[in-house]
Protein backbone atom coordinates (compact mmCIF):
# COMPACT_ATOMS: atom_id res chain seq x y z
CA MET A 1 -20.62 16.25 28.47
CA HIS A 2 -22.08 12.95 27.30
CA LYS A 3 -19.39 10.26 27.30
CA PRO A 4 -19.73 7.08 25.27
CA LYS A 5 -20.81 4.06 27.24
CA PRO A 6 -17.67 2.03 27.71
CA LYS A 7 -18.10 -0.87 25.35
CA GLN A 8 -16.88 -4.06 26.87
CA LYS A 9 -13.18 -4.07 26.06
CA GLN A 10 -12.10 -6.59 23.49
CA LYS A 11 -9.89 -9.17 25.13
CA PRO A 12 -6.48 -8.99 23.40
CA THR A 13 -6.66 -12.73 22.66
CA GLU A 14 -10.20 -12.73 21.27
CA ASN A 15 -10.47 -13.15 17.49
CA PHE A 16 -12.70 -11.10 15.20
CA ASN A 17 -13.07 -10.53 11.45
CA ILE A 18 -10.62 -8.19 9.74
CA ILE A 19 -10.78 -6.71 6.22
CA ALA A 20 -7.57 -5.38 4.65
CA THR A 21 -7.94 -3.27 1.50
CA THR A 22 -5.28 -3.01 -1.20
CA LEU A 23 -4.72 -2.12 -4.86
CA ALA A 24 -5.88 -4.35 -7.73
CA GLY A 25 -3.25 -6.98 -8.46
CA LEU A 26 -1.64 -6.94 -5.00
CA GLU A 27 -4.19 -9.11 -3.21
CA GLU A 28 -2.00 -12.25 -3.11
CA VAL A 29 0.98 -10.24 -1.82
CA LEU A 30 -1.14 -8.80 0.99
CA ALA A 31 -2.55 -12.26 1.81
CA GLU A 32 1.04 -13.49 2.33
CA GLU A 33 1.76 -10.54 4.63
CA LEU A 34 -1.32 -11.35 6.73
CA ARG A 35 -0.32 -15.04 6.90
CA ALA A 36 3.11 -13.93 8.12
CA LEU A 37 1.29 -12.22 11.02
CA GLU A 38 -0.41 -15.58 11.70
CA MET A 39 -3.88 -14.35 10.77
CA GLU A 40 -6.43 -17.13 10.30
CA TYR A 41 -8.93 -17.84 7.49
CA VAL A 42 -7.07 -15.60 5.01
CA LYS A 43 -9.22 -15.20 1.90
CA VAL A 44 -8.45 -13.14 -1.22
CA GLY A 45 -11.15 -10.95 -2.80
CA ASN A 46 -11.18 -8.08 -5.28
CA ARG A 47 -8.85 -5.40 -3.83
CA VAL A 48 -9.48 -6.85 -0.37
CA VAL A 49 -8.24 -9.71 1.78
CA THR A 50 -10.39 -10.93 4.66
CA CYS A 51 -9.05 -12.78 7.67
CA SER A 52 -9.51 -13.33 11.38
CA GLY A 53 -7.21 -12.04 14.10
CA ASN A 54 -7.02 -10.48 17.53
CA LEU A 55 -6.36 -6.93 18.74
CA ARG A 56 -2.59 -7.41 18.77
CA GLN A 57 -2.67 -8.67 15.18
CA LEU A 58 -4.86 -5.71 14.15
CA TYR A 59 -2.21 -3.35 15.56
CA GLU A 60 0.57 -5.41 13.90
CA ALA A 61 -1.20 -5.33 10.52
CA ASN A 62 -1.23 -1.52 10.62
CA LEU A 63 2.48 -1.43 11.44
CA TRP A 64 3.77 -4.24 9.22
CA CYS A 65 1.58 -4.63 6.12
CA ARG A 66 3.44 -3.05 3.22
CA THR A 67 0.66 -3.52 0.68
CA ALA A 68 -2.44 -2.71 2.78
CA ILE A 69 -4.21 0.62 2.34
CA ARG A 70 -6.62 0.24 5.26
CA ILE A 71 -7.24 -2.33 7.97
CA LEU A 72 -10.95 -2.45 8.78
CA LYS A 73 -12.88 -4.06 11.63
CA PRO A 74 -16.42 -4.93 10.46
CA ILE A 75 -19.17 -4.22 13.01
CA ARG A 76 -22.33 -5.06 11.01
CA ASN A 77 -23.56 -6.64 7.80
CA PHE A 78 -27.06 -6.05 6.43
CA LYS A 79 -29.09 -5.67 3.24
CA ALA A 80 -30.49 -2.25 2.32
CA ARG A 81 -32.98 -2.20 -0.55
CA ASN A 82 -33.87 1.50 -0.29
CA GLU A 83 -33.23 4.70 1.70
CA ASP A 84 -35.55 3.79 4.58
CA ASP A 85 -33.90 0.38 4.91
CA LEU A 86 -30.42 1.87 5.06
CA TYR A 87 -31.42 4.52 7.61
CA GLU A 88 -33.17 1.98 9.90
CA GLN A 89 -30.36 -0.58 9.66
CA VAL A 90 -27.68 1.99 10.52
CA GLN A 91 -29.72 3.01 13.58
CA LYS A 92 -29.73 -0.58 14.86
CA THR A 93 -26.10 -0.11 15.94
CA ASN A 94 -25.65 1.66 19.28
CA TRP A 95 -23.17 4.28 18.08
CA SER A 96 -22.45 5.62 21.55
CA GLU A 97 -20.51 2.38 22.14
CA PHE A 98 -18.00 3.47 19.50
CA PHE A 99 -17.64 7.23 19.94
CA GLY A 100 -19.04 10.14 21.92
CA LEU A 101 -20.30 13.68 21.37
CA ASP A 102 -16.83 15.08 21.99
CA GLN A 103 -15.36 13.07 19.08
CA THR A 104 -15.57 13.88 15.38
CA PHE A 105 -16.36 11.21 12.81
CA ALA A 106 -16.40 10.68 9.04
CA ILE A 107 -17.76 8.04 6.69
CA ASP A 108 -16.01 6.66 3.61
CA ALA A 109 -18.57 4.96 1.38
CA VAL A 110 -17.98 2.71 -1.62
CA VAL A 111 -21.02 1.63 -3.64
CA SER A 112 -21.14 -0.81 -6.56
CA HIS A 113 -23.88 -2.70 -8.45
CA SER A 114 -26.60 -1.41 -6.10
CA THR A 115 -29.91 0.49 -6.37
CA PHE A 116 -28.02 3.43 -4.85
CA GLU A 117 -25.87 5.14 -7.45
CA HIS A 118 -23.87 7.68 -5.46
CA SER A 119 -21.51 6.88 -2.62
CA LEU A 120 -21.74 10.48 -1.34
CA PHE A 121 -25.51 10.14 -0.95
CA VAL A 122 -25.09 6.84 0.93
CA ALA A 123 -22.46 8.43 3.21
CA GLN A 124 -24.80 11.39 3.88
CA LEU A 125 -27.75 9.16 4.72
CA THR A 126 -25.59 7.02 7.05
CA LYS A 127 -24.31 10.18 8.76
CA ASP A 128 -27.91 11.42 9.25
CA ALA A 129 -28.94 8.10 10.84
CA ILE A 130 -26.00 8.23 13.28
CA VAL A 131 -26.45 11.92 14.16
CA ASP A 132 -30.22 11.51 14.64
CA GLN A 133 -29.62 8.63 17.05
CA PHE A 134 -27.33 10.78 19.22
CA ARG A 135 -29.72 13.75 19.07
CA LYS A 136 -32.68 11.61 20.11
CA LYS A 137 -30.78 10.17 23.11
CA THR A 138 -28.92 13.28 24.32
CA GLY A 139 -30.33 16.35 22.55
CA GLU A 140 -26.87 16.91 21.04
CA ARG A 141 -24.92 15.57 18.10
CA PRO A 142 -21.25 14.80 17.31
CA SER A 143 -19.54 16.77 14.53
CA VAL A 144 -18.33 15.49 11.19
CA ASP A 145 -14.71 16.14 10.21
CA LYS A 146 -13.95 14.78 6.76
CA ILE A 147 -10.23 15.63 6.88
CA ARG A 148 -8.98 14.48 10.31
CA PRO A 149 -11.81 12.71 12.13
CA ASP A 150 -11.29 10.99 15.48
CA VAL A 151 -13.28 7.97 14.29
CA ARG A 152 -13.43 6.94 10.65
CA LEU A 153 -16.19 4.58 9.52
CA ASN A 154 -16.18 2.61 6.29
CA LEU A 155 -19.36 1.60 4.45
CA HIS A 156 -19.06 -0.87 1.61
CA MET A 157 -22.17 -1.65 -0.42
CA HIS A 158 -22.18 -4.27 -3.16
CA GLU A 159 -25.46 -5.48 -4.68
CA ASN A 160 -27.24 -3.77 -1.75
CA MET A 161 -25.33 -5.82 0.83
CA VAL A 162 -23.73 -3.44 3.29
CA THR A 163 -20.68 -3.94 5.51
CA LEU A 164 -20.16 -1.24 8.11
CA SER A 165 -16.66 -1.19 9.58
CA LEU A 166 -14.45 0.79 11.90
CA ASP A 167 -11.33 1.99 10.09
CA SER A 168 -8.39 1.09 12.33
CA SER A 169 -5.85 2.84 10.10
CA GLY A 170 -7.21 6.37 10.02
CA ASP A 171 -5.07 7.98 7.35
CA SER A 172 -4.28 5.66 4.42
CA LEU A 173 -1.36 3.34 5.17
CA HIS A 174 0.38 4.26 1.89
CA ARG A 175 1.24 7.61 3.52
CA ARG A 176 4.26 6.22 5.30
CA GLY A 177 5.59 9.57 6.49
CA TYR A 178 9.18 9.37 5.20
CA ARG A 179 8.50 11.14 1.91
CA LEU A 180 8.99 14.89 2.29
CA GLN A 181 9.95 15.57 -1.32
CA THR A 182 8.35 14.11 -4.42
CA ASN A 183 8.75 14.53 -8.12
CA VAL A 184 5.95 15.22 -10.60
CA ALA A 185 4.40 11.75 -10.48
CA PRO A 186 5.52 9.94 -7.35
CA LEU A 187 4.71 6.26 -7.10
CA ASN A 188 2.30 5.23 -4.36
CA GLU A 189 4.34 3.52 -1.61
CA VAL A 190 1.94 0.54 -1.41
CA LEU A 191 2.25 0.02 -5.18
CA ALA A 192 6.06 0.28 -4.99
CA ALA A 193 6.21 -2.29 -2.16
CA GLY A 194 3.85 -4.60 -4.07
CA ILE A 195 5.94 -4.41 -7.25
CA ILE A 196 9.11 -5.29 -5.31
CA SER A 197 7.33 -8.26 -3.69
CA LEU A 198 6.06 -9.41 -7.11
CA SER A 199 9.63 -9.27 -8.43
CA GLY A 200 10.57 -12.10 -6.06
CA TRP A 201 13.67 -10.19 -4.88
CA ASP A 202 15.27 -12.18 -2.03
CA LYS A 203 16.32 -9.03 -0.04
CA LYS A 204 19.98 -10.06 -0.38
CA ALA A 205 20.89 -9.68 -4.08
CA THR A 206 21.81 -6.28 -5.52
CA PHE A 207 18.73 -4.09 -6.09
CA ILE A 208 18.80 -1.23 -8.62
CA ASP A 209 16.35 1.50 -9.62
CA PRO A 210 18.02 3.33 -12.51
CA MET A 211 15.27 5.99 -12.80
CA ALA A 212 14.92 6.60 -9.09
CA GLY A 213 12.82 9.79 -9.04
CA SER A 214 12.06 10.58 -5.40
CA GLY A 215 13.42 7.20 -4.26
CA THR A 216 10.25 5.30 -3.38
CA PHE A 217 11.36 1.92 -4.80
CA LEU A 218 14.74 2.25 -3.08
CA ILE A 219 13.27 3.11 0.33
CA GLU A 220 10.62 0.38 0.19
CA ALA A 221 13.28 -2.17 -0.84
CA ALA A 222 15.61 -1.05 1.96
CA MET A 223 12.80 -1.31 4.53
CA MET A 224 12.15 -4.88 3.38
CA ALA A 225 15.84 -5.84 3.48
CA GLN A 226 16.36 -4.27 6.92
CA ASN A 227 13.06 -5.69 8.23
CA ILE A 228 11.72 -2.24 9.13
CA ALA A 229 7.97 -1.99 9.73
CA PRO A 230 6.63 0.77 7.41
CA GLY A 231 4.20 1.97 10.10
CA LEU A 232 7.12 3.11 12.29
CA PHE A 233 7.47 6.25 10.10
CA ARG A 234 3.87 7.23 10.69
CA ARG A 235 3.37 10.89 11.68
CA ASP A 236 -0.34 10.81 12.57
CA PRO A 237 -1.97 8.49 15.10
CA PHE A 238 -3.60 5.32 13.79
CA GLY A 239 -7.39 5.23 13.81
CA PHE A 240 -7.52 2.58 16.56
CA GLU A 241 -5.74 4.94 18.98
CA LYS A 242 -9.05 6.86 19.34
CA TRP A 243 -11.22 3.78 19.84
CA ASN A 244 -12.92 3.09 23.18
CA ASP A 245 -11.17 -0.28 23.46
CA TYR A 246 -7.69 1.10 22.64
CA ASN A 247 -5.13 -0.89 24.60
CA GLU A 248 -2.16 1.47 24.93
CA GLU A 249 0.02 -1.05 26.75
CA LEU A 250 -0.54 -3.66 24.03
CA PHE A 251 0.26 -1.17 21.25
CA GLU A 252 3.43 -0.06 23.07
CA MET A 253 4.53 -3.69 23.15
CA VAL A 254 3.76 -4.18 19.43
CA TRP A 255 5.67 -0.98 18.57
CA ARG A 256 8.72 -1.87 20.69
CA THR A 257 8.79 -5.41 19.25
CA ALA A 258 8.75 -3.95 15.71
CA GLU A 259 11.62 -1.58 16.55
CA ALA A 260 13.66 -4.48 17.94
CA LYS A 261 13.25 -6.51 14.72
CA GLU A 262 15.12 -4.00 12.56
CA LYS A 263 18.43 -5.27 11.17
CA ARG A 264 21.11 -2.62 11.70
CA GLU A 265 23.79 -3.90 9.31
CA PRO A 266 23.02 -3.34 5.58
CA GLN A 267 21.64 -6.60 4.16
CA ALA A 268 21.90 -5.84 0.43
CA LYS A 269 23.41 -3.43 -2.06
CA ILE A 270 20.61 -1.00 -2.94
CA ILE A 271 21.51 1.49 -5.66
CA GLY A 272 19.62 4.27 -7.41
CA TYR A 273 20.44 6.48 -10.40
CA ASP A 274 18.69 9.49 -11.84
CA ILE A 275 19.81 11.82 -14.62
CA ASP A 276 18.12 14.81 -12.95
CA GLU A 277 20.08 16.45 -10.15
CA ASP A 278 16.89 17.72 -8.43
CA TYR A 279 15.46 14.19 -8.26
CA VAL A 280 18.71 12.87 -6.81
CA GLU A 281 18.49 15.54 -4.10
CA ALA A 282 14.82 14.74 -3.45
CA ALA A 283 15.61 11.02 -3.18
CA ARG A 284 18.50 11.71 -0.78
CA THR A 285 16.26 13.89 1.40
CA ASN A 286 13.64 11.16 1.65
CA ILE A 287 16.27 8.46 2.27
CA ALA A 288 17.79 10.55 5.07
CA ASN A 289 14.32 11.10 6.50
CA ALA A 290 13.86 7.32 6.61
CA GLY A 291 17.27 6.95 8.28
CA LEU A 292 18.53 4.75 5.44
CA GLU A 293 21.59 6.66 4.19
CA GLN A 294 23.85 3.76 5.22
CA VAL A 295 21.78 1.28 3.22
CA ILE A 296 20.96 3.10 -0.04
CA LYS A 297 23.38 4.70 -2.49
CA VAL A 298 22.01 7.25 -5.00
CA GLU A 299 24.06 8.76 -7.82
CA GLN A 300 23.36 11.22 -10.59
CA ALA A 301 23.83 9.13 -13.74
CA ASP A 302 22.38 8.51 -17.17
CA PHE A 303 21.00 4.96 -17.05
CA PHE A 304 21.97 4.42 -20.69
CA LYS A 305 25.64 4.88 -19.76
CA THR A 306 25.61 2.64 -16.69
CA ASN A 307 26.76 -0.95 -16.26
CA ALA A 308 25.56 -3.59 -13.84
CA PRO A 309 27.48 -3.25 -10.54
CA ALA A 310 27.15 -7.01 -9.86
CA ASP A 311 26.87 -10.23 -11.88
CA HIS A 312 23.25 -10.75 -10.85
CA GLY A 313 20.45 -8.96 -9.07
CA VAL A 314 17.08 -7.30 -9.55
CA LEU A 315 16.45 -4.07 -11.45
CA VAL A 316 13.08 -2.31 -11.08
CA MET A 317 12.13 0.81 -12.99
CA ASN A 318 9.10 3.02 -13.58
CA PRO A 319 10.01 4.96 -16.76
CA PRO A 320 7.84 7.90 -17.96
CA TYR A 321 4.67 6.83 -19.73
CA ASN A 322 2.48 9.89 -19.67
CA GLU A 323 1.03 11.65 -22.68
CA ARG A 324 3.15 14.76 -22.18
CA ILE A 325 6.10 13.10 -23.96
CA LEU A 326 5.97 13.07 -27.75
CA SER A 327 5.38 9.57 -29.12
CA ASP A 328 8.62 9.51 -31.14
CA ASP A 329 10.63 10.35 -28.04
CA ILE A 330 8.89 7.81 -25.85
CA ASN A 331 9.37 4.96 -28.33
CA LEU A 332 13.05 5.83 -28.59
CA LEU A 333 13.28 6.03 -24.80
CA TYR A 334 11.86 2.50 -24.47
CA LYS A 335 14.08 1.18 -27.25
CA ASN A 336 17.11 2.57 -25.38
CA ILE A 337 15.89 0.94 -22.18
CA GLY A 338 15.74 -2.44 -23.94
CA ASP A 339 19.19 -2.01 -25.50
CA THR A 340 20.79 -0.97 -22.19
CA LEU A 341 19.21 -3.86 -20.31
CA LYS A 342 20.31 -6.36 -22.96
CA ASN A 343 23.88 -5.08 -23.29
CA ASN A 344 24.77 -3.81 -19.80
CA TYR A 345 22.67 -5.80 -17.31
CA GLN A 346 23.20 -9.43 -18.25
CA GLY A 347 22.54 -11.75 -15.32
CA PHE A 348 19.84 -9.48 -13.88
CA ASP A 349 16.08 -9.88 -13.69
CA ALA A 350 14.68 -6.55 -14.90
CA PHE A 351 11.16 -5.32 -14.14
CA VAL A 352 9.72 -2.43 -16.11
CA PHE A 353 6.50 -0.94 -14.73
CA THR A 354 4.69 1.07 -17.39
CA GLY A 355 1.33 2.48 -18.38
CA ASN A 356 2.34 2.98 -22.01
CA LEU A 357 1.83 -0.49 -23.44
CA ASP A 358 2.50 0.63 -27.02
CA ALA A 359 5.86 2.19 -26.15
CA ALA A 360 6.75 -0.94 -24.16
CA LYS A 361 6.81 -2.88 -27.45
CA SER A 362 9.87 -0.79 -28.40
CA ILE A 363 11.86 -2.42 -25.58
CA GLY A 364 12.45 -5.22 -28.06
CA LEU A 365 12.93 -8.00 -25.47
CA ARG A 366 10.56 -10.85 -24.74
CA ALA A 367 8.82 -10.46 -21.39
CA SER A 368 8.72 -13.70 -19.43
CA ARG A 369 5.85 -12.34 -17.31
CA ARG A 370 3.27 -9.55 -17.68
CA THR A 371 1.42 -8.64 -14.47
CA PRO A 372 -1.59 -6.31 -14.82
CA LEU A 373 -1.59 -3.49 -12.21
CA TYR A 374 -2.94 0.04 -11.97
CA ASN A 375 -1.15 3.29 -11.21
CA GLY A 376 -4.13 5.36 -10.08
CA ALA A 377 -6.58 4.96 -12.97
CA ILE A 378 -3.87 4.08 -15.51
CA ASP A 379 -3.90 0.48 -16.75
CA CYS A 380 -0.29 -0.70 -16.37
CA ARG A 381 1.85 -3.81 -16.73
CA LEU A 382 4.80 -5.03 -14.73
CA LEU A 383 7.01 -6.60 -17.39
CA LYS A 384 9.69 -9.10 -16.39
CA TYR A 385 12.81 -9.57 -18.53
CA GLU A 386 15.29 -12.31 -17.71
CA LEU A 387 18.61 -11.00 -18.98
CA TYR A 388 20.78 -14.06 -19.43
CA GLY A 389 24.50 -13.61 -19.98
CA GLY A 390 26.17 -15.40 -22.91
CA SER A 391 27.47 -18.21 -20.69
CA LYS A 392 24.04 -18.79 -19.20
CA ARG A 393 22.52 -19.20 -22.64
CA GLY A 394 25.33 -21.57 -23.57
CA GLU A 395 24.59 -23.63 -20.49
CA GLU A 396 20.90 -23.69 -21.35
CA GLN A 397 21.73 -24.97 -24.84
CA LYS A 398 24.05 -27.65 -23.45
CA LYS A 399 21.20 -28.83 -21.23
CA VAL A 400 18.90 -29.09 -24.25
CA VAL A 401 21.51 -31.15 -26.15
């Protein structure tokens, strides 16, 4: 069987370009995460952050980045004006350096503002160019597996400029692996982690999600507080584990170092409520699966009858905002949220993440910050409410005097 030519192994200390993809609105959060890994030349784009790092840092980014969806390693940039151009340019890469006939591959293509309209067509044409190259050299061709390929390639085309990359993540990094049970509309883990980061929570103050659903906010918060790398829950191998230059010893070291950084003692009070018994059970299952039962407390409770369990902290919630709820009900729901926050959670910073911007007006409090984000295709806002207690307001007034 034809084996790929061993590409000269990347020295672990040698730097190369890295592209990390994320969700709209979380780019600055991801940039901070990459700086924390000591990446160089960190630059924020639209749903991407580019930087420079070495093989160890590429492995670390997959394990540690809470708001990255994929970590890509670009291999070529070129301009493709038409089909022939694209086909010829793709063939200029010696693909046998990256994978062999015994490995499956897949191509994810994203196309915008280009003469090509359909990403599927671009992916197909790229696949043909790669397969034809193998067939010409060896008489055989590698297979495509769109679901679980050994090697995943990423093609990004904007205004006919193409970046071809190796996808080091494989399966999307938002699929952490701890979530066995979900409710009807579970929050993407990357989005949940990004919202918590945007809240400015210091990982020590009390953290509450009073509409906990399947527990995603709680688990992501607990992983931050306990300094647990989200990639440690991963069930499937990372994409880079199938690369020709995979350095198993280096990855072992990165993994063991991450395990050693976990804080065993609970660092903060992390509390969740949900009125639905099934959701409470689902949340508890996921929390147990993440090994965080000692850190997170979940109770069945009606948020509107709860009181703050501390004099200050951070409250984050993702109340229903879909069209299935009658408008009268949803406006009342949001009014009750505002009343409960104002009366029962003084001293807290509350963050309401919603895609129903009309209903959000019924909260009746003034948001001190409105951060645009998306939940899938839904245009959302993360609304911040600073819930001062009476004494705090008095102090503020004294200062003014």
